[in-house]
Amino acid sequence: MGDRLMALGPVALVLLNIVLGVAQLLAFAEGVDVWLGWNIFGAVLVFFILSMIPFGTIGTTIVAYIGATKGWGWEWWQAVLLIAPYLILGIVMSAAGGIAGALSRSRRAA
């Protein structure tokens, strides 16, 4: 039973990433609609153009943020959680690693 449960973990993560990606794409499409007044086809065009240029993901992130806040009426922190969850997770994990390193050094010094 435990092995089957352990096997579901990666599947659940893949499904959650797919749901997150779809939500981000919908926020991007809403952002293009709010910003430029274009429909989904215009959003796809803008997405592909931004995907082909260096640092285009910064542009897609900004447009998706606009879609979540101005189009859907979300608060800024909700939009950030949707648009940049891995950035937030990275910051939290870096802080946890720094705290663990500092505690480890303080224990060795004592």
C-alpha atoms as a PDB file:
ATOM      1  CA  MET A   1       0.000   0.000   0.000  1.00  0.00           C
ATOM      2  CA  GLY A   2       2.815   2.413   0.855  1.00  0.00           C
ATOM      3  CA  ASP A   3       4.525   1.885  -2.482  1.00  0.00           C
ATOM      4  CA  ARG A   4       1.343   2.712  -4.356  1.00  0.00           C
ATOM      5  CA  LEU A   5       0.880   5.854  -2.306  1.00  0.00           C
ATOM      6  CA  MET A   6       4.476   6.897  -2.948  1.00  0.00           C
ATOM      7  CA  ALA A   7       3.936   6.395  -6.674  1.00  0.00           C
ATOM      8  CA  LEU A   8       1.011   8.828  -6.622  1.00  0.00           C
ATOM      9  CA  GLY A   9       3.215  11.719  -5.440  1.00  0.00           C
ATOM     10  CA  PRO A  10       4.929  12.425  -8.779  1.00  0.00           C
ATOM     11  CA  VAL A  11       1.644  11.989 -10.644  1.00  0.00           C
ATOM     12  CA  ALA A  12      -0.051  14.490  -8.355  1.00  0.00           C
ATOM     13  CA  LEU A  13       2.793  16.972  -8.855  1.00  0.00           C
ATOM     14  CA  VAL A  14       2.539  16.663 -12.631  1.00  0.00           C
ATOM     15  CA  LEU A  15      -1.224  17.205 -12.512  1.00  0.00           C
ATOM     16  CA  LEU A  16      -0.815  20.232 -10.228  1.00  0.00           C
ATOM     17  CA  ASN A  17       1.794  21.697 -12.586  1.00  0.00           C
ATOM     18  CA  ILE A  18      -0.574  21.242 -15.526  1.00  0.00           C
ATOM     19  CA  VAL A  19      -3.396  22.981 -13.648  1.00  0.00           C
ATOM     20  CA  LEU A  20      -1.010  25.783 -12.634  1.00  0.00           C
ATOM     21  CA  GLY A  21       0.203  26.186 -16.214  1.00  0.00           C
ATOM     22  CA  VAL A  22      -3.333  26.378 -17.597  1.00  0.00           C
ATOM     23  CA  ALA A  23      -4.283  28.967 -14.970  1.00  0.00           C
ATOM     24  CA  GLN A  24      -1.195  31.014 -15.848  1.00  0.00           C
ATOM     25  CA  LEU A  25      -2.020  30.847 -19.556  1.00  0.00           C
ATOM     26  CA  LEU A  26      -5.588  31.963 -18.884  1.00  0.00           C
ATOM     27  CA  ALA A  27      -4.282  34.849 -16.771  1.00  0.00           C
ATOM     28  CA  PHE A  28      -1.951  35.776 -19.637  1.00  0.00           C
ATOM     29  CA  ALA A  29      -4.829  35.719 -22.136  1.00  0.00           C
ATOM     30  CA  GLU A  30      -6.888  37.901 -19.797  1.00  0.00           C
ATOM     31  CA  GLY A  31      -3.947  40.281 -19.441  1.00  0.00           C
ATOM     32  CA  VAL A  32      -3.657  40.661 -23.205  1.00  0.00           C
ATOM     33  CA  ASP A  33      -7.404  41.299 -23.379  1.00  0.00           C
ATOM     34  CA  VAL A  34      -7.253  43.937 -20.628  1.00  0.00           C
ATOM     35  CA  TRP A  35      -4.069  45.576 -21.892  1.00  0.00           C
ATOM     36  CA  LEU A  36      -4.561  45.465 -25.662  1.00  0.00           C
ATOM     37  CA  GLY A  37      -8.209  44.475 -26.064  1.00  0.00           C
ATOM     38  CA  TRP A  38      -7.267  41.428 -28.144  1.00  0.00           C
ATOM     39  CA  ASN A  39      -8.997  38.067 -28.098  1.00  0.00           C
ATOM     40  CA  ILE A  40      -7.411  34.662 -27.461  1.00  0.00           C
ATOM     41  CA  PHE A  41      -5.802  34.566 -30.909  1.00  0.00           C
ATOM     42  CA  GLY A  42      -4.032  37.837 -30.208  1.00  0.00           C
ATOM     43  CA  ALA A  43      -2.929  36.451 -26.855  1.00  0.00           C
ATOM     44  CA  VAL A  44      -1.434  33.391 -28.565  1.00  0.00           C
ATOM     45  CA  LEU A  45       0.383  35.656 -31.028  1.00  0.00           C
ATOM     46  CA  VAL A  46       1.802  37.836 -28.243  1.00  0.00           C
ATOM     47  CA  PHE A  47       2.763  34.732 -26.253  1.00  0.00           C
ATOM     48  CA  PHE A  48       4.722  33.236 -29.160  1.00  0.00           C
ATOM     49  CA  ILE A  49       6.452  36.545 -29.892  1.00  0.00           C
ATOM     50  CA  LEU A  50       7.466  36.946 -26.250  1.00  0.00           C
ATOM     51  CA  SER A  51       8.609  33.318 -26.112  1.00  0.00           C
ATOM     52  CA  MET A  52      11.019  33.844 -29.002  1.00  0.00           C
ATOM     53  CA  ILE A  53      12.867  36.857 -27.606  1.00  0.00           C
ATOM     54  CA  PRO A  54      15.435  36.749 -24.809  1.00  0.00           C
ATOM     55  CA  PHE A  55      13.914  37.397 -21.387  1.00  0.00           C
ATOM     56  CA  GLY A  56      10.432  37.196 -22.924  1.00  0.00           C
ATOM     57  CA  THR A  57       9.211  35.262 -19.919  1.00  0.00           C
ATOM     58  CA  ILE A  58       9.496  38.467 -17.916  1.00  0.00           C
ATOM     59  CA  GLY A  59       6.977  40.009 -20.306  1.00  0.00           C
ATOM     60  CA  THR A  60       4.631  37.039 -20.065  1.00  0.00           C
ATOM     61  CA  THR A  61       4.825  37.210 -16.276  1.00  0.00           C
ATOM     62  CA  ILE A  62       3.925  40.901 -16.244  1.00  0.00           C
ATOM     63  CA  VAL A  63       1.019  40.420 -18.658  1.00  0.00           C
ATOM     64  CA  ALA A  64      -0.302  37.457 -16.644  1.00  0.00           C
ATOM     65  CA  TYR A  65      -0.039  39.539 -13.462  1.00  0.00           C
ATOM     66  CA  ILE A  66      -2.082  42.288 -15.135  1.00  0.00           C
ATOM     67  CA  GLY A  67      -4.651  39.698 -16.198  1.00  0.00           C
ATOM     68  CA  ALA A  68      -4.995  38.298 -12.691  1.00  0.00           C
ATOM     69  CA  THR A  69      -5.195  41.663 -10.931  1.00  0.00           C
ATOM     70  CA  LYS A  70      -7.056  43.906 -13.361  1.00  0.00           C
ATOM     71  CA  GLY A  71      -8.963  41.271 -15.342  1.00  0.00           C
ATOM     72  CA  TRP A  72      -9.980  38.901 -12.580  1.00  0.00           C
ATOM     73  CA  GLY A  73      -9.887  41.409  -9.719  1.00  0.00           C
ATOM     74  CA  TRP A  74      -7.423  39.430  -7.604  1.00  0.00           C
ATOM     75  CA  GLU A  75      -5.300  41.000  -4.891  1.00  0.00           C
ATOM     76  CA  TRP A  76      -1.616  41.504  -5.679  1.00  0.00           C
ATOM     77  CA  TRP A  77      -0.451  38.694  -3.397  1.00  0.00           C
ATOM     78  CA  GLN A  78      -2.884  36.216  -4.958  1.00  0.00           C
ATOM     79  CA  ALA A  79      -1.616  37.090  -8.422  1.00  0.00           C
ATOM     80  CA  VAL A  80       2.004  36.670  -7.292  1.00  0.00           C
ATOM     81  CA  LEU A  81       1.184  33.247  -5.825  1.00  0.00           C
ATOM     82  CA  LEU A  82      -0.334  32.231  -9.161  1.00  0.00           C
ATOM     83  CA  ILE A  83       2.288  33.735 -11.443  1.00  0.00           C
ATOM     84  CA  ALA A  84       5.521  33.062  -9.534  1.00  0.00           C
ATOM     85  CA  PRO A  85       5.026  30.178  -7.094  1.00  0.00           C
ATOM     86  CA  TYR A  86       8.465  28.694  -7.730  1.00  0.00           C
ATOM     87  CA  LEU A  87      10.168  32.037  -7.171  1.00  0.00           C
ATOM     88  CA  ILE A  88       8.465  32.282  -3.792  1.00  0.00           C
ATOM     89  CA  LEU A  89       9.358  28.663  -2.998  1.00  0.00           C
ATOM     90  CA  GLY A  90      12.975  29.340  -3.957  1.00  0.00           C
ATOM     91  CA  ILE A  91      13.156  32.378  -1.693  1.00  0.00           C
ATOM     92  CA  VAL A  92      11.667  30.422   1.214  1.00  0.00           C
ATOM     93  CA  MET A  93      14.026  27.489   0.664  1.00  0.00           C
ATOM     94  CA  SER A  94      17.054  29.795   0.401  1.00  0.00           C
ATOM     95  CA  ALA A  95      16.081  31.493   3.643  1.00  0.00           C
ATOM     96  CA  ALA A  96      15.587  28.113   5.334  1.00  0.00           C
ATOM     97  CA  GLY A  97      18.998  26.964   4.103  1.00  0.00           C
ATOM     98  CA  GLY A  98      20.623  30.138   5.383  1.00  0.00           C
ATOM     99  CA  ILE A  99      18.979  29.789   8.780  1.00  0.00           C
ATOM    100  CA  ALA A 100      19.976  26.110   8.988  1.00  0.00           C
ATOM    101  CA  GLY A 101      23.561  26.988   8.064  1.00  0.00           C
ATOM    102  CA  ALA A 102      23.714  29.744  10.663  1.00  0.00           C
ATOM    103  CA  LEU A 103      22.334  27.439  13.361  1.00  0.00           C
ATOM    104  CA  SER A 104      24.803  24.732  12.391  1.00  0.00           C
ATOM    105  CA  ARG A 105      27.743  27.142  12.686  1.00  0.00           C
ATOM    106  CA  SER A 106      26.507  28.459  16.018  1.00  0.00           C
ATOM    107  CA  ARG A 107      26.261  24.909  17.430  1.00  0.00           C
ATOM    108  CA  ARG A 108      29.811  24.074  16.332  1.00  0.00           C
ATOM    109  CA  ALA A 109      31.141  27.292  17.874  1.00  0.00           C
ATOM    110  CA  ALA A 110      29.508  26.549  21.218  1.00  0.00           C
END
